[in-house]
Protein backbone atom coordinates (compact mmCIF):
# COMPACT_ATOMS: atom_id res chain seq x y z
CA MET A 1 -115.96 80.06 20.01
CA ILE A 2 -115.03 78.97 16.19
CA SER A 3 -115.21 75.47 15.72
CA LEU A 4 -111.78 73.45 15.90
CA SER A 5 -110.96 70.44 16.41
CA LEU A 6 -108.47 69.28 18.97
CA ALA A 7 -106.02 68.21 16.57
CA GLU A 8 -106.53 71.69 15.01
CA ILE A 9 -105.63 73.08 18.72
CA ALA A 10 -102.94 70.87 19.48
CA SER A 11 -101.15 72.42 15.71
CA ILE A 12 -101.95 75.92 16.84
CA VAL A 13 -100.04 75.83 20.48
CA GLY A 14 -97.84 73.40 19.64
CA GLY A 15 -99.09 70.53 22.22
CA GLN A 16 -99.31 67.20 22.21
CA GLN A 17 -102.56 64.86 22.79
CA HIS A 18 -103.17 62.73 25.46
CA ASP A 19 -105.67 60.45 26.02
CA ILE A 20 -107.59 61.81 22.76
CA PRO A 21 -109.75 58.65 21.45
CA ASP A 22 -111.12 61.42 18.52
CA PRO A 23 -108.97 64.12 17.55
CA ASP A 24 -111.25 65.29 14.94
CA ARG A 25 -113.82 65.68 17.76
CA GLU A 26 -114.47 69.88 17.77
CA VAL A 27 -114.70 72.15 20.41
CA THR A 28 -118.15 73.84 19.94
CA GLY A 29 -118.00 75.11 23.51
CA PRO A 30 -116.75 78.20 25.65
CA VAL A 31 -112.88 78.10 26.98
CA VAL A 32 -112.83 78.38 30.30
CA SER A 33 -110.43 78.82 32.99
CA ASP A 34 -113.20 77.81 35.73
CA SER A 35 -114.47 74.24 36.23
CA ARG A 36 -118.01 75.54 37.52
CA ALA A 37 -118.35 77.84 34.40
CA VAL A 38 -117.21 74.13 31.85
CA ARG A 39 -120.55 73.75 29.10
CA PRO A 40 -120.90 71.09 26.88
CA GLY A 41 -118.31 71.03 23.98
CA GLY A 42 -115.93 73.40 25.90
CA LEU A 43 -112.72 73.53 26.47
CA PHE A 44 -110.69 73.57 30.23
CA VAL A 45 -107.88 75.69 30.70
CA ALA A 46 -106.15 74.76 33.49
CA PHE A 47 -103.75 76.93 35.13
CA ALA A 48 -101.40 76.29 38.44
CA GLY A 49 -101.99 78.95 40.83
CA GLU A 50 -100.79 79.78 44.11
CA ARG A 51 -103.88 78.72 46.02
CA VAL A 52 -105.41 76.59 43.82
CA ASP A 53 -104.23 73.96 40.60
CA GLY A 54 -106.67 73.54 37.88
CA HIS A 55 -105.23 70.41 37.38
CA ASP A 56 -106.87 69.29 39.91
CA PHE A 57 -110.26 69.95 38.35
CA ALA A 58 -109.78 68.51 35.17
CA VAL A 59 -112.04 65.16 35.19
CA GLY A 60 -114.53 67.18 36.57
CA ALA A 61 -114.70 69.58 33.97
CA VAL A 62 -114.85 66.42 31.56
CA GLU A 63 -117.19 65.14 33.34
CA ALA A 64 -119.31 68.19 33.07
CA GLY A 65 -118.72 67.92 29.04
CA ALA A 66 -115.41 69.59 28.22
CA VAL A 67 -114.44 68.16 25.22
CA ALA A 68 -110.44 68.48 26.71
CA VAL A 69 -108.20 70.22 28.81
CA LEU A 70 -105.37 72.60 27.94
CA ALA A 71 -102.82 71.93 30.48
CA ALA A 72 -99.15 71.41 31.59
CA ARG A 73 -99.49 68.10 32.53
CA PRO A 74 -101.02 64.93 31.46
CA VAL A 75 -104.46 64.40 34.13
CA GLY A 76 -106.19 61.27 33.11
CA VAL A 77 -108.50 62.85 30.74
CA PRO A 78 -108.30 63.99 27.08
CA ALA A 79 -105.67 66.90 26.95
CA ILE A 80 -103.67 68.91 24.82
CA VAL A 81 -100.29 69.24 27.05
CA VAL A 82 -97.99 72.52 26.26
CA ASP A 83 -95.03 74.13 28.23
CA ASP A 84 -96.74 76.73 28.92
CA VAL A 85 -100.76 76.99 29.49
CA VAL A 86 -100.72 80.92 29.22
CA ALA A 87 -98.58 81.30 25.94
CA ALA A 88 -100.91 78.47 24.41
CA LEU A 89 -103.81 80.53 25.47
CA GLY A 90 -102.54 83.72 23.92
CA ALA A 91 -101.63 81.51 20.71
CA LEU A 92 -105.20 79.89 20.40
CA ALA A 93 -107.09 83.36 20.44
CA ARG A 94 -104.84 84.61 17.97
CA ALA A 95 -105.99 82.05 15.78
CA VAL A 96 -109.41 82.42 16.33
CA VAL A 97 -109.19 86.30 16.35
CA ASN A 98 -107.43 85.99 12.61
CA LYS A 99 -110.45 83.55 11.62
CA SER A 100 -112.85 85.94 12.62
CA GLY A 101 -112.44 88.68 10.69
CA ALA A 102 -114.35 90.86 13.49
CA THR A 103 -112.78 94.15 13.83
CA VAL A 104 -110.53 94.50 16.70
CA ILE A 105 -110.75 97.64 19.45
CA GLY A 106 -108.21 98.00 22.04
CA LEU A 107 -108.91 100.40 25.07
CA THR A 108 -106.44 100.87 27.58
CA GLY A 109 -105.82 104.00 30.25
CA SER A 110 -105.68 104.88 34.18
CA ALA A 111 -108.92 105.17 34.92
CA GLY A 112 -112.19 104.14 33.14
CA LYS A 113 -111.21 101.80 31.49
CA THR A 114 -114.51 98.95 32.07
CA SER A 115 -116.94 101.64 31.65
CA THR A 116 -115.74 103.26 28.26
CA LYS A 117 -115.92 99.41 27.27
CA ASP A 118 -119.17 98.63 28.07
CA LEU A 119 -120.41 102.20 26.54
CA ILE A 120 -118.37 100.99 23.38
CA ALA A 121 -120.18 97.35 23.23
CA GLN A 122 -123.65 98.82 24.04
CA LEU A 123 -122.67 100.99 20.98
CA LEU A 124 -121.39 98.49 18.60
CA GLN A 125 -123.92 96.25 19.46
CA ARG A 126 -126.40 97.56 17.42
CA HIS A 127 -124.49 97.44 14.47
CA GLY A 128 -123.68 93.46 14.47
CA PRO A 129 -122.84 90.83 16.92
CA THR A 130 -120.23 92.24 19.28
CA VAL A 131 -118.12 90.46 21.87
CA TRP A 132 -116.50 92.27 24.85
CA PRO A 133 -115.22 91.33 28.16
CA GLU A 134 -117.13 90.37 31.60
CA GLY A 135 -116.05 92.58 34.39
CA ASN A 136 -112.41 93.64 33.53
CA LEU A 137 -110.92 90.77 32.12
CA ASN A 138 -108.02 92.50 30.79
CA ASN A 139 -104.61 90.37 31.20
CA GLU A 140 -102.77 87.94 29.76
CA ILE A 141 -105.48 85.34 30.75
CA GLY A 142 -108.61 87.51 30.70
CA LEU A 143 -107.87 88.90 27.24
CA PRO A 144 -107.72 85.80 25.80
CA LEU A 145 -110.17 83.95 27.24
CA THR A 146 -112.54 86.92 25.94
CA ALA A 147 -111.31 86.84 22.17
CA LEU A 148 -111.90 83.21 22.66
CA ARG A 149 -115.58 84.02 22.46
CA ALA A 150 -115.57 85.43 19.01
CA GLU A 151 -117.48 83.70 16.72
CA ASP A 152 -117.55 83.27 12.81
CA THR A 153 -120.54 85.95 12.91
CA THR A 154 -118.92 88.35 15.29
CA ARG A 155 -118.46 91.36 13.79
CA HIS A 156 -116.66 93.40 16.84
CA LEU A 157 -114.44 92.23 19.38
CA VAL A 158 -113.73 94.85 22.06
CA LEU A 159 -110.52 94.49 24.11
CA GLU A 160 -109.65 95.77 27.49
CA MET A 161 -106.20 96.34 28.07
CA GLY A 162 -104.39 96.64 31.53
CA ALA A 163 -101.01 97.18 32.08
CA ARG A 164 -98.35 96.70 35.27
CA GLY A 165 -94.78 97.25 33.50
CA ILE A 166 -93.71 98.93 30.38
CA GLY A 167 -94.67 95.58 27.50
CA HIS A 168 -97.51 94.47 28.71
CA ILE A 169 -99.69 96.42 26.43
CA ARG A 170 -97.47 95.09 23.50
CA TYR A 171 -97.53 91.53 24.23
CA LEU A 172 -101.53 91.36 24.36
CA ALA A 173 -102.25 93.70 20.89
CA GLY A 174 -99.54 90.86 19.73
CA LEU A 175 -102.47 88.08 20.82
CA THR A 176 -105.01 90.12 19.40
CA PRO A 177 -104.29 92.86 16.95
CA PRO A 178 -106.15 95.71 17.13
CA ARG A 179 -107.37 97.79 14.09
CA ILE A 180 -108.48 100.60 16.43
CA GLY A 181 -106.77 101.87 19.35
CA VAL A 182 -108.41 103.91 22.36
CA VAL A 183 -106.22 105.16 24.94
CA LEU A 184 -108.40 107.16 27.84
CA ASN A 185 -105.71 109.30 30.15
CA VAL A 186 -102.81 108.82 31.92
CA GLY A 187 -103.38 108.94 36.06
CA THR A 188 -101.53 108.24 38.85
CA ALA A 189 -102.87 104.70 39.08
CA HIS A 190 -100.07 101.66 39.65
CA LEU A 191 -97.93 104.44 40.24
CA GLY A 192 -95.91 102.47 42.67
CA GLU A 193 -95.23 99.86 39.83
CA PHE A 194 -94.30 102.08 37.40
CA GLY A 195 -92.39 104.72 39.47
CA GLY A 196 -94.03 107.85 37.55
CA ARG A 197 -96.65 109.14 34.94
CA GLU A 198 -93.83 109.50 31.87
CA GLN A 199 -93.20 105.51 32.34
CA ILE A 200 -97.45 104.88 32.44
CA ALA A 201 -97.57 106.88 29.29
CA GLN A 202 -94.88 105.00 27.75
CA ALA A 203 -96.72 101.66 28.69
CA LYS A 204 -99.74 102.98 27.52
CA GLY A 205 -98.54 104.00 24.62
CA GLU A 206 -97.59 100.97 23.31
CA LEU A 207 -101.43 100.36 21.88
CA VAL A 208 -100.97 103.14 19.13
CA GLU A 209 -97.83 102.02 18.32
CA SER A 210 -99.16 98.48 17.55
CA LEU A 211 -102.05 99.85 15.08
CA PRO A 212 -101.38 99.13 11.53
CA VAL A 213 -100.56 101.99 9.23
CA ALA A 214 -103.67 104.72 8.44
CA ASP A 215 -105.24 104.14 4.96
CA GLU A 216 -105.41 107.25 2.58
CA GLU A 217 -107.82 109.54 3.82
CA GLY A 218 -111.04 110.79 1.94
CA PRO A 219 -112.67 114.26 1.55
CA GLU A 220 -112.33 116.15 4.95
CA GLY A 221 -110.44 113.77 6.49
CA LEU A 222 -112.87 110.94 6.71
CA PRO A 223 -111.51 107.67 5.86
CA ALA A 224 -111.68 106.70 2.00
CA GLU A 225 -114.27 104.17 1.22
CA GLY A 226 -114.10 101.00 -0.83
CA GLY A 227 -115.12 97.86 -1.71
CA GLY A 228 -117.80 96.81 1.22
CA GLY A 229 -117.40 100.20 2.98
CA ARG A 230 -115.09 101.46 5.11
CA ARG A 231 -111.24 100.45 5.01
CA ALA A 232 -109.17 98.36 7.70
CA GLY A 233 -106.42 100.93 8.34
CA GLY A 234 -105.35 101.87 11.34
CA VAL A 235 -107.20 104.40 13.98
CA ALA A 236 -105.64 105.58 17.29
CA VAL A 237 -108.64 107.54 19.11
CA LEU A 238 -106.72 109.90 21.68
CA ASN A 239 -107.79 111.85 24.74
CA ALA A 240 -107.22 115.66 23.55
CA ASP A 241 -107.56 116.67 27.15
CA ASP A 242 -104.43 114.43 28.10
CA PRO A 243 -101.57 116.03 27.13
CA TYR A 244 -99.78 112.66 28.06
CA VAL A 245 -102.01 110.66 25.72
CA ARG A 246 -102.62 113.73 22.95
CA ALA A 247 -98.37 113.12 22.83
CA MET A 248 -99.05 109.55 21.62
CA ALA A 249 -99.85 111.18 18.21
CA SER A 250 -96.48 111.12 17.16
CA ARG A 251 -95.66 107.55 17.96
CA THR A 252 -98.48 105.67 15.68
CA LYS A 253 -98.09 105.06 12.02
CA ALA A 254 -102.12 104.93 12.19
CA ARG A 255 -104.60 107.71 11.89
CA THR A 256 -105.33 109.94 14.28
CA VAL A 257 -109.00 111.11 15.89
CA PHE A 258 -108.57 113.13 19.38
CA PHE A 259 -111.95 113.13 21.33
CA GLY A 260 -112.71 115.47 24.37
CA GLU A 261 -113.70 119.27 25.05
CA SER A 262 -110.70 121.03 23.26
CA ALA A 263 -112.00 122.69 20.62
CA ASP A 264 -109.79 120.51 17.92
CA ALA A 265 -111.26 117.27 19.10
CA ALA A 266 -113.34 115.72 16.37
CA ILE A 267 -115.47 114.19 18.54
CA ARG A 268 -116.33 116.73 21.23
CA ALA A 269 -118.90 117.92 23.51
CA GLU A 270 -119.84 121.45 24.76
CA ASN A 271 -122.10 122.44 26.54
CA VAL A 272 -121.72 120.35 29.16
CA ARG A 273 -124.08 120.03 32.40
CA LEU A 274 -124.97 118.23 35.47
CA ASN A 275 -128.74 117.27 36.59
CA GLY A 276 -130.22 117.22 39.80
CA LEU A 277 -128.95 113.39 40.37
CA GLY A 278 -125.56 114.49 39.36
CA GLN A 279 -126.44 112.55 35.35
CA PRO A 280 -124.39 114.32 32.83
CA SER A 281 -125.83 115.70 29.21
CA PHE A 282 -123.88 117.61 26.13
CA THR A 283 -123.99 118.24 22.60
CA LEU A 284 -121.76 115.94 20.78
CA HIS A 285 -119.84 117.15 17.72
CA THR A 286 -118.43 114.65 14.85
CA PRO A 287 -117.53 115.35 11.86
CA SER A 288 -120.69 114.31 10.66
CA GLY A 289 -122.96 116.34 12.63
CA CYS A 290 -123.96 117.23 15.92
CA SER A 291 -126.63 115.81 18.61
CA ASP A 292 -127.88 115.76 22.03
CA VAL A 293 -127.26 113.16 24.48
CA THR A 294 -128.68 112.91 28.13
CA MET A 295 -126.91 109.80 29.95
CA ARG A 296 -128.13 107.65 32.91
CA LEU A 297 -124.81 106.93 34.34
CA TYR A 298 -123.66 109.24 37.23
CA GLY A 299 -121.00 111.47 36.91
CA GLU A 300 -119.21 114.18 34.56
CA HIS A 301 -116.22 112.17 34.21
CA HIS A 302 -118.57 110.00 32.20
CA VAL A 303 -118.14 112.81 29.69
CA SER A 304 -114.85 111.67 28.28
CA ASN A 305 -115.85 107.79 28.44
CA ALA A 306 -118.55 108.91 26.16
CA LEU A 307 -116.79 110.80 23.90
CA ALA A 308 -114.28 108.03 23.25
CA ALA A 309 -116.97 105.40 22.73
CA ALA A 310 -118.87 107.64 20.10
CA ALA A 311 -115.39 108.01 18.47
CA VAL A 312 -115.33 104.45 18.13
CA ALA A 313 -118.90 104.34 16.71
CA HIS A 314 -118.22 107.11 14.36
CA GLU A 315 -115.09 105.16 12.84
CA LEU A 316 -117.42 102.08 11.82
CA GLY A 317 -120.08 104.06 10.19
CA MET A 318 -122.72 105.06 13.14
CA PRO A 319 -124.80 107.84 12.26
CA VAL A 320 -124.62 110.82 14.95
CA ASP A 321 -128.09 110.68 15.87
CA GLU A 322 -128.10 107.15 16.56
CA ILE A 323 -124.83 107.35 18.79
CA ALA A 324 -126.37 109.81 20.39
CA ALA A 325 -129.04 107.67 20.71
CA ALA A 326 -127.39 104.70 22.25
CA LEU A 327 -125.28 107.00 24.86
CA SER A 328 -128.36 108.40 26.39
CA GLU A 329 -129.97 105.00 26.89
CA ALA A 330 -127.01 103.44 28.04
CA GLY A 331 -126.38 101.77 31.07
CA THR A 332 -123.63 100.18 33.61
CA LEU A 333 -123.06 96.53 32.56
CA SER A 334 -120.13 95.78 35.18
CA ARG A 335 -120.83 95.38 38.49
CA TRP A 336 -119.62 98.06 41.47
CA ARG A 337 -119.17 100.88 39.49
CA MET A 338 -121.22 103.68 40.26
CA GLU A 339 -124.13 101.58 40.54
CA VAL A 340 -127.21 104.01 42.00
CA THR A 341 -129.86 102.63 44.34
CA GLU A 342 -132.38 104.21 46.58
CA ARG A 343 -133.78 102.45 49.46
CA ALA A 344 -136.85 102.10 50.79
CA ASP A 345 -136.24 104.66 53.39
CA GLY A 346 -135.03 107.16 51.03
CA VAL A 347 -131.51 106.47 51.31
CA THR A 348 -129.30 106.52 48.41
CA VAL A 349 -126.57 103.85 47.97
CA VAL A 350 -123.64 104.53 45.40
CA ASN A 351 -121.82 101.44 45.11
CA ASP A 352 -118.65 102.26 42.95
CA ALA A 353 -116.33 99.58 45.12
CA TYR A 354 -114.41 98.02 42.41
CA ASN A 355 -111.40 99.67 42.28
CA ALA A 356 -109.77 103.29 43.13
CA ASN A 357 -107.06 105.56 41.73
CA PRO A 358 -107.14 109.09 42.68
CA GLU A 359 -108.58 110.20 39.33
CA SER A 360 -111.42 107.94 39.73
CA MET A 361 -111.64 109.01 43.65
CA ARG A 362 -111.89 112.31 42.41
CA ALA A 363 -114.74 111.88 39.91
CA ALA A 364 -116.42 109.81 41.85
CA LEU A 365 -116.56 112.56 45.23
CA ARG A 366 -117.65 115.43 42.67
CA ALA A 367 -120.27 112.80 41.50
CA LEU A 368 -121.40 112.16 45.23
CA VAL A 369 -121.35 116.16 45.22
CA ALA A 370 -124.10 116.53 42.38
CA MET A 371 -126.55 113.87 43.53
CA GLY A 372 -126.27 115.19 47.00
CA ALA A 373 -127.87 118.49 45.91
CA ALA A 374 -131.43 117.17 45.35
CA GLY A 375 -131.25 115.26 49.00
CA ARG A 376 -130.04 118.57 50.63
CA ALA A 377 -133.36 119.85 49.89
CA ARG A 378 -134.78 117.51 52.32
CA GLY A 379 -132.35 117.85 55.06
CA GLY A 380 -130.08 114.92 53.41
CA ARG A 381 -126.27 114.75 53.42
CA THR A 382 -123.09 113.25 51.38
CA TRP A 383 -121.61 110.27 52.87
CA ALA A 384 -117.79 109.43 51.75
CA VAL A 385 -117.13 105.50 52.48
CA LEU A 386 -113.61 105.47 51.53
CA GLY A 387 -110.84 103.00 51.50
CA GLU A 388 -106.96 102.56 50.48
CA MET A 389 -105.99 103.49 47.27
CA ALA A 390 -103.82 100.71 46.34
CA GLU A 391 -100.14 100.72 44.36
CA LEU A 392 -99.25 104.45 44.68
CA GLY A 393 -95.83 103.70 46.12
CA GLU A 394 -94.16 106.73 47.44
CA GLU A 395 -97.02 108.43 46.70
CA SER A 396 -99.37 106.59 48.70
CA LEU A 397 -99.72 108.67 51.48
CA ALA A 398 -99.57 112.14 49.96
CA GLU A 399 -102.43 110.62 47.62
CA HIS A 400 -104.75 109.60 50.40
CA ASP A 401 -104.25 113.10 52.50
CA ALA A 402 -104.93 115.26 49.23
CA VAL A 403 -108.28 112.81 48.75
CA GLY A 404 -109.16 113.93 52.52
CA ARG A 405 -108.61 117.21 51.89
CA LEU A 406 -110.74 117.05 48.81
CA VAL A 407 -114.00 115.58 50.89
CA VAL A 408 -113.62 118.71 53.21
CA ARG A 409 -113.19 120.99 49.78
CA LEU A 410 -116.05 119.85 47.70
CA ASN A 411 -118.32 119.89 51.04
CA VAL A 412 -119.27 116.35 51.74
CA SER A 413 -120.92 116.50 54.86
CA LYS A 414 -119.61 113.02 56.44
CA LEU A 415 -116.12 111.03 55.68
CA VAL A 416 -115.97 107.17 57.03
CA ALA A 417 -112.44 106.18 55.98
CA VAL A 418 -112.26 102.42 56.40
CA GLY A 419 -108.78 100.37 57.00
CA GLY A 420 -105.23 101.22 58.43
CA ARG A 421 -102.43 103.47 57.49
CA GLU A 422 -103.83 104.95 54.06
CA ALA A 423 -107.23 105.58 55.69
CA ALA A 424 -105.89 107.18 58.84
CA TRP A 425 -104.13 109.83 56.21
CA LEU A 426 -108.01 110.02 54.45
CA ASP A 427 -109.23 111.44 57.79
CA MET A 428 -105.71 113.10 59.10
CA GLY A 429 -105.94 114.98 55.27
CA ALA A 430 -109.68 115.58 56.06
CA LYS A 431 -109.12 117.14 59.98
CA ASN A 432 -106.09 119.28 58.37
CA GLU A 433 -107.66 120.81 55.94
CA GLY A 434 -109.55 123.25 57.69
CA SER A 435 -112.50 123.17 60.69
CA TRP A 436 -113.86 119.49 60.01
CA GLY A 437 -113.43 117.52 63.16
CA GLU A 438 -116.70 115.02 64.08
CA GLU A 439 -117.25 115.08 60.52
CA SER A 440 -114.65 112.77 59.51
CA VAL A 441 -114.16 109.17 61.48
CA HIS A 442 -111.57 106.54 61.21
CA VAL A 443 -112.54 103.24 61.60
CA SER A 444 -111.04 99.75 61.41
CA ASP A 445 -113.10 97.52 59.06
CA ALA A 446 -115.87 97.29 57.01
CA ARG A 447 -117.86 95.84 60.20
CA ALA A 448 -117.34 98.98 62.14
CA ALA A 449 -118.93 101.24 59.18
CA ILE A 450 -121.41 99.55 58.44
CA ASP A 451 -122.24 99.47 62.16
CA LEU A 452 -121.83 103.25 62.44
CA LEU A 453 -123.86 103.77 59.10
CA ARG A 454 -126.66 101.90 60.39
CA ARG A 455 -126.60 103.93 63.45
CA GLU A 456 -126.35 107.45 61.37
CA LEU A 457 -128.25 107.43 58.18
CA ARG A 458 -131.32 108.94 57.67
CA PRO A 459 -133.83 109.81 54.56
CA GLY A 460 -132.29 111.89 51.89
CA ASP A 461 -128.74 111.20 52.78
CA VAL A 462 -126.42 109.67 49.64
CA VAL A 463 -123.85 107.06 50.77
CA LEU A 464 -120.46 106.46 48.32
CA VAL A 465 -118.98 103.53 48.91
CA LYS A 466 -115.31 103.24 47.14
CA ALA A 467 -111.91 102.06 47.70
CA SER A 468 -109.17 99.27 45.91
CA ARG A 469 -110.72 96.07 45.09
CA SER A 470 -108.78 94.61 47.82
CA VAL A 471 -110.03 96.58 50.68
CA GLY A 472 -113.70 94.99 50.16
CA LEU A 473 -115.73 97.37 50.22
CA GLU A 474 -118.52 96.41 48.42
CA ARG A 475 -119.45 94.17 51.97
CA VAL A 476 -120.84 97.98 52.95
CA ALA A 477 -122.72 98.46 50.64
CA ALA A 478 -124.05 95.48 50.31
CA ALA A 479 -124.98 95.51 54.03
CA LEU A 480 -126.42 98.85 53.66
CA LEU A 481 -129.28 97.58 51.19
CA ASP A 482 -130.12 94.25 53.07
CA GLY A 483 -132.75 94.78 55.65
CA GLU A 484 -131.61 93.98 59.27
CA ASP A 485 -132.73 90.44 58.70
CA GLY A 486 -130.33 89.89 55.37
CA SER A 487 -133.41 90.49 53.29
CA ALA A 488 -132.98 92.56 50.35
CA ALA A 489 -134.65 96.31 50.82
CA THR A 490 -137.76 96.61 48.62
CA GLY A 491 -139.53 99.80 47.21
CA GLY A 492 -136.56 101.51 45.73
CA ALA A 493 -135.69 102.45 42.33
CA ALA A 494 -133.56 99.58 40.66
CA SER A 495 -130.06 99.92 40.08
CA ARG A 496 -128.59 101.58 36.76
């Protein structure tokens, strides 16, 4: 974090100093909310959760090297005490971001946020120090904790913004005002909480409403140059292929840049194709020229993510050939998102178990089919090990039924539906679609799925594991990648 004294922090957050012998002492280390992550010179933020109260770990955090604790009550060690720890954390983040001078890129969408954030980060770090969230820290706690990692030298700050209701993204954008805002799509994730896609679009569009006014444009629609380079007006990067996102252009005063496969997209993909492993290639078109991209990631859905990342990089001055090269080299930075590992016996495990919604489920299934093409030549089969997609509200059973039917239509070899009622509807949808019988099976839990797969898998098989995070299906993938004695499998390709 940018160095600030305890007195300065107290002033920023409107807090009272307790047991602080030296108010001029500076916080020079990271700001963390997990006492196990404390580093010397850092600041520990104590949240009172439903199961764990961070205030109980304050003494240990200071003993581990924290300069002080940001807390809601005195804790017997140096502390800045505030009425609302979450609000105080946000105020501190805004002060640090303003002081850093970094370009803030805000990103939202119903699906693909984390993968796209990882791509943007891998592109921008080629052009200067870049901070981005680990995993999907995209709420009122995770976002400011990420922003507080900014330093004096940070050039780009990439922030993922999630929403579970109207006003959430507006609040996050107020903490860390973005200059560039990216909206990927409007899908059905959290449909049960919002009530409909129109409401989801309303919430996601708060990002582009928060952007600053556009600068005047130069020749051919490019940003006007001045001083040290491109100017600081707002830019809304919108998916031209999603009608809900395209319509957001009318809700912003920022300059709009469309990406997608639509003919009028400034950043677009042409000649999209998949190789035998399901990895996409395409020709990237930008206002500055064209270049070919061959991605290491798996699934055609990553083309849209790559275009969004390319649009951001292009706006920040990266040449098109460098953008294409970076996209071709980019890998997966976040765990359990299309992690592909080939075991020594030739079974390929695709761990995409971090989260799931209908859009991401359909994309993952199509990627599975593409990846299974090579295995079929060796007698291999495709397995979809699927669990509940959470937070779909009244549409939940219909959406699970539809995914089960899609498994059949895509000619996936085997479906293993894991869990309770929603899994039963996955299984029922598959069986009702056509001639399926033994090709689909419903099991009660991850343990049962593991036992089944260990009995049935054979060389050349490709196994996709996917469900909402709450289901915990990453345990299935982990078990498949361990030997019977629990030792890691060897001899296969490294995960990417």
